[in-house]
Amino acid sequence: MAFRCSVCGKQPTAGRTYVYRGIAVKKGGIGLKVTGKNKRRFMPNIKKVRTRTSQGGVKTLKVCTRCIKSGRIQKA
């Protein structure tokens, strides 16, 4: 099973981290220059939660904390 919220479908997204050098123009410098770019992943905050199903049973789902807080699931 993928690293994904089973309620809203939230999953990891791609991004970058930038490394700068120099002094900003606002502070009297010549400006910031990018000296490095690295790929990274923004991971959703996913937890395993025991939830109630529509038939009255209990099932364990991987759910993001935003869905837990907003009440989209009913805890067992």
N, C-alpha and C. Protein backbone atom coordinates (compact mmCIF):
# COMPACT_ATOMS: atom_id res chain seq x y z
N MET A 1 0.84 -1.18 0.00
CA MET A 1 0.00 0.00 0.00
C MET A 1 0.88 1.24 0.00
N ALA A 2 0.52 2.21 -0.79
CA ALA A 2 1.33 3.41 -0.95
C ALA A 2 1.22 4.32 0.28
N PHE A 3 2.14 5.27 0.40
CA PHE A 3 2.14 6.25 1.48
C PHE A 3 1.15 7.34 1.11
N ARG A 4 -0.13 7.08 1.37
CA ARG A 4 -1.20 7.95 0.90
C ARG A 4 -2.36 7.88 1.89
N CYS A 5 -3.03 9.00 2.06
CA CYS A 5 -4.20 9.05 2.93
C CYS A 5 -5.35 8.33 2.24
N SER A 6 -6.00 7.41 2.96
CA SER A 6 -7.08 6.64 2.35
C SER A 6 -8.39 7.43 2.29
N VAL A 7 -8.47 8.61 2.92
CA VAL A 7 -9.68 9.42 2.90
C VAL A 7 -9.59 10.48 1.80
N CYS A 8 -8.55 11.33 1.86
CA CYS A 8 -8.47 12.45 0.91
C CYS A 8 -7.48 12.21 -0.22
N GLY A 9 -6.64 11.17 -0.12
CA GLY A 9 -5.70 10.86 -1.19
C GLY A 9 -4.41 11.66 -1.16
N LYS A 10 -4.16 12.35 -0.06
CA LYS A 10 -2.93 13.15 0.05
C LYS A 10 -1.72 12.23 -0.01
N GLN A 11 -0.69 12.63 -0.76
CA GLN A 11 0.50 11.81 -0.95
C GLN A 11 1.74 12.70 -0.99
N PRO A 12 2.95 12.12 -1.00
CA PRO A 12 4.16 12.95 -1.04
C PRO A 12 4.23 13.79 -2.31
N THR A 13 4.72 15.03 -2.17
CA THR A 13 4.91 15.90 -3.32
C THR A 13 6.39 16.25 -3.43
N ALA A 14 6.83 16.56 -4.64
CA ALA A 14 8.23 16.85 -4.89
C ALA A 14 8.51 18.34 -4.68
N GLY A 15 9.73 18.63 -4.32
CA GLY A 15 10.14 20.01 -4.12
C GLY A 15 11.66 20.10 -4.15
N ARG A 16 12.17 21.25 -3.77
CA ARG A 16 13.62 21.47 -3.75
C ARG A 16 14.02 22.26 -2.52
N THR A 17 15.28 22.09 -2.12
CA THR A 17 15.88 22.96 -1.12
C THR A 17 16.95 23.77 -1.84
N TYR A 18 17.01 25.06 -1.54
CA TYR A 18 17.97 25.94 -2.20
C TYR A 18 19.01 26.42 -1.19
N VAL A 19 20.25 26.54 -1.64
CA VAL A 19 21.33 27.08 -0.82
C VAL A 19 21.75 28.40 -1.46
N TYR A 20 21.76 29.47 -0.64
CA TYR A 20 22.09 30.81 -1.14
C TYR A 20 23.40 31.29 -0.55
N ARG A 21 24.02 32.26 -1.24
CA ARG A 21 25.18 32.93 -0.68
C ARG A 21 25.12 34.39 -1.10
N GLY A 22 25.70 35.25 -0.30
CA GLY A 22 25.70 36.67 -0.59
C GLY A 22 24.84 37.43 0.40
N ILE A 23 24.75 38.73 0.20
CA ILE A 23 23.96 39.61 1.05
C ILE A 23 22.86 40.23 0.20
N ALA A 24 21.65 40.29 0.77
CA ALA A 24 20.50 40.82 0.05
C ALA A 24 20.71 42.28 -0.33
N VAL A 25 20.12 42.70 -1.42
CA VAL A 25 20.23 44.08 -1.91
C VAL A 25 19.68 45.04 -0.86
N LYS A 26 18.61 44.61 -0.19
CA LYS A 26 17.98 45.42 0.84
C LYS A 26 18.95 45.75 1.98
N LYS A 27 19.91 44.85 2.20
CA LYS A 27 20.88 45.04 3.28
C LYS A 27 22.19 45.65 2.78
N GLY A 28 22.20 46.11 1.55
CA GLY A 28 23.38 46.77 1.02
C GLY A 28 24.31 45.89 0.23
N GLY A 29 23.90 44.68 -0.09
CA GLY A 29 24.75 43.76 -0.84
C GLY A 29 24.42 43.77 -2.32
N ILE A 30 25.03 42.83 -3.03
CA ILE A 30 24.83 42.75 -4.47
C ILE A 30 23.67 41.80 -4.82
N GLY A 31 23.20 41.05 -3.84
CA GLY A 31 22.07 40.15 -4.06
C GLY A 31 22.42 38.72 -3.71
N LEU A 32 21.40 37.92 -3.50
CA LEU A 32 21.59 36.51 -3.18
C LEU A 32 21.73 35.70 -4.45
N LYS A 33 22.66 34.76 -4.45
CA LYS A 33 22.88 33.88 -5.60
C LYS A 33 22.64 32.44 -5.15
N VAL A 34 21.99 31.66 -5.99
CA VAL A 34 21.74 30.25 -5.69
C VAL A 34 23.01 29.47 -6.01
N THR A 35 23.51 28.73 -4.99
CA THR A 35 24.72 27.95 -5.20
C THR A 35 24.46 26.45 -5.22
N GLY A 36 23.25 26.05 -4.86
CA GLY A 36 22.94 24.62 -4.88
C GLY A 36 21.45 24.37 -4.82
N LYS A 37 21.03 23.29 -5.50
CA LYS A 37 19.63 22.87 -5.48
C LYS A 37 19.61 21.37 -5.26
N ASN A 38 18.84 20.94 -4.26
CA ASN A 38 18.69 19.51 -3.99
C ASN A 38 17.22 19.15 -4.02
N LYS A 39 16.93 17.96 -4.54
CA LYS A 39 15.55 17.49 -4.56
C LYS A 39 15.18 16.99 -3.18
N ARG A 40 13.90 17.17 -2.81
CA ARG A 40 13.38 16.66 -1.55
C ARG A 40 11.93 16.30 -1.73
N ARG A 41 11.36 15.63 -0.73
CA ARG A 41 9.95 15.26 -0.77
C ARG A 41 9.25 15.82 0.46
N PHE A 42 8.07 16.39 0.23
CA PHE A 42 7.22 16.86 1.31
C PHE A 42 6.27 15.72 1.65
N MET A 43 6.43 15.14 2.85
CA MET A 43 5.67 13.98 3.24
C MET A 43 4.45 14.38 4.07
N PRO A 44 3.28 13.79 3.78
CA PRO A 44 2.10 14.07 4.60
C PRO A 44 2.22 13.37 5.95
N ASN A 45 1.57 13.96 6.96
CA ASN A 45 1.60 13.41 8.32
C ASN A 45 0.52 12.34 8.41
N ILE A 46 0.91 11.08 8.16
CA ILE A 46 -0.05 9.98 8.09
C ILE A 46 0.08 9.07 9.31
N LYS A 47 -1.08 8.71 9.87
CA LYS A 47 -1.14 7.84 11.04
C LYS A 47 -2.04 6.64 10.73
N LYS A 48 -1.77 5.52 11.41
CA LYS A 48 -2.65 4.36 11.31
C LYS A 48 -3.73 4.52 12.38
N VAL A 49 -4.99 4.50 11.95
CA VAL A 49 -6.11 4.73 12.85
C VAL A 49 -7.14 3.62 12.68
N ARG A 50 -7.66 3.14 13.80
CA ARG A 50 -8.75 2.16 13.76
C ARG A 50 -10.05 2.93 13.61
N THR A 51 -10.80 2.63 12.55
CA THR A 51 -12.02 3.37 12.26
C THR A 51 -13.21 2.42 12.16
N ARG A 52 -14.39 2.99 12.33
CA ARG A 52 -15.62 2.22 12.17
C ARG A 52 -16.02 2.22 10.69
N THR A 53 -16.47 1.06 10.23
CA THR A 53 -16.95 0.97 8.85
C THR A 53 -18.46 1.19 8.82
N SER A 54 -19.01 1.31 7.63
CA SER A 54 -20.46 1.54 7.50
C SER A 54 -21.27 0.31 7.92
N GLN A 55 -20.66 -0.89 7.88
CA GLN A 55 -21.36 -2.10 8.29
C GLN A 55 -21.28 -2.33 9.80
N GLY A 56 -20.57 -1.45 10.52
CA GLY A 56 -20.46 -1.59 11.97
C GLY A 56 -19.19 -2.29 12.42
N GLY A 57 -18.33 -2.67 11.50
CA GLY A 57 -17.08 -3.32 11.84
C GLY A 57 -15.97 -2.31 12.12
N VAL A 58 -14.78 -2.83 12.37
CA VAL A 58 -13.61 -1.99 12.64
C VAL A 58 -12.54 -2.29 11.61
N LYS A 59 -11.92 -1.24 11.08
CA LYS A 59 -10.89 -1.40 10.07
C LYS A 59 -9.77 -0.40 10.34
N THR A 60 -8.52 -0.82 10.10
CA THR A 60 -7.38 0.08 10.27
C THR A 60 -7.07 0.75 8.95
N LEU A 61 -7.00 2.08 8.97
CA LEU A 61 -6.72 2.86 7.76
C LEU A 61 -5.53 3.77 8.00
N LYS A 62 -4.85 4.13 6.92
CA LYS A 62 -3.81 5.15 6.97
C LYS A 62 -4.46 6.48 6.63
N VAL A 63 -4.49 7.39 7.61
CA VAL A 63 -5.21 8.65 7.46
C VAL A 63 -4.30 9.80 7.85
N CYS A 64 -4.38 10.92 7.09
CA CYS A 64 -3.59 12.10 7.42
C CYS A 64 -4.22 12.80 8.63
N THR A 65 -3.41 13.55 9.36
CA THR A 65 -3.88 14.19 10.59
C THR A 65 -4.93 15.27 10.31
N ARG A 66 -4.91 15.86 9.15
CA ARG A 66 -5.93 16.86 8.80
C ARG A 66 -7.31 16.22 8.73
N CYS A 67 -7.40 15.01 8.18
CA CYS A 67 -8.68 14.30 8.12
C CYS A 67 -9.13 13.86 9.51
N ILE A 68 -8.18 13.46 10.37
CA ILE A 68 -8.53 13.08 11.73
C ILE A 68 -9.08 14.27 12.50
N LYS A 69 -8.41 15.42 12.39
CA LYS A 69 -8.83 16.62 13.11
C LYS A 69 -10.17 17.14 12.63
N SER A 70 -10.43 17.08 11.33
CA SER A 70 -11.66 17.64 10.78
C SER A 70 -12.86 16.73 11.00
N GLY A 71 -12.63 15.51 11.51
CA GLY A 71 -13.74 14.61 11.81
C GLY A 71 -14.27 13.86 10.60
N ARG A 72 -13.47 13.68 9.58
CA ARG A 72 -13.93 12.95 8.38
C ARG A 72 -14.04 11.46 8.63
N ILE A 73 -13.39 10.99 9.70
CA ILE A 73 -13.48 9.57 10.05
C ILE A 73 -14.05 9.45 11.45
N GLN A 74 -14.58 8.28 11.76
CA GLN A 74 -15.09 8.02 13.09
C GLN A 74 -14.21 6.98 13.72
N LYS A 75 -13.53 7.34 14.82
CA LYS A 75 -12.64 6.41 15.48
C LYS A 75 -13.42 5.29 16.13
N ALA A 76 -12.78 4.11 16.18
CA ALA A 76 -13.43 2.95 16.79
C ALA A 76 -13.38 3.06 18.31
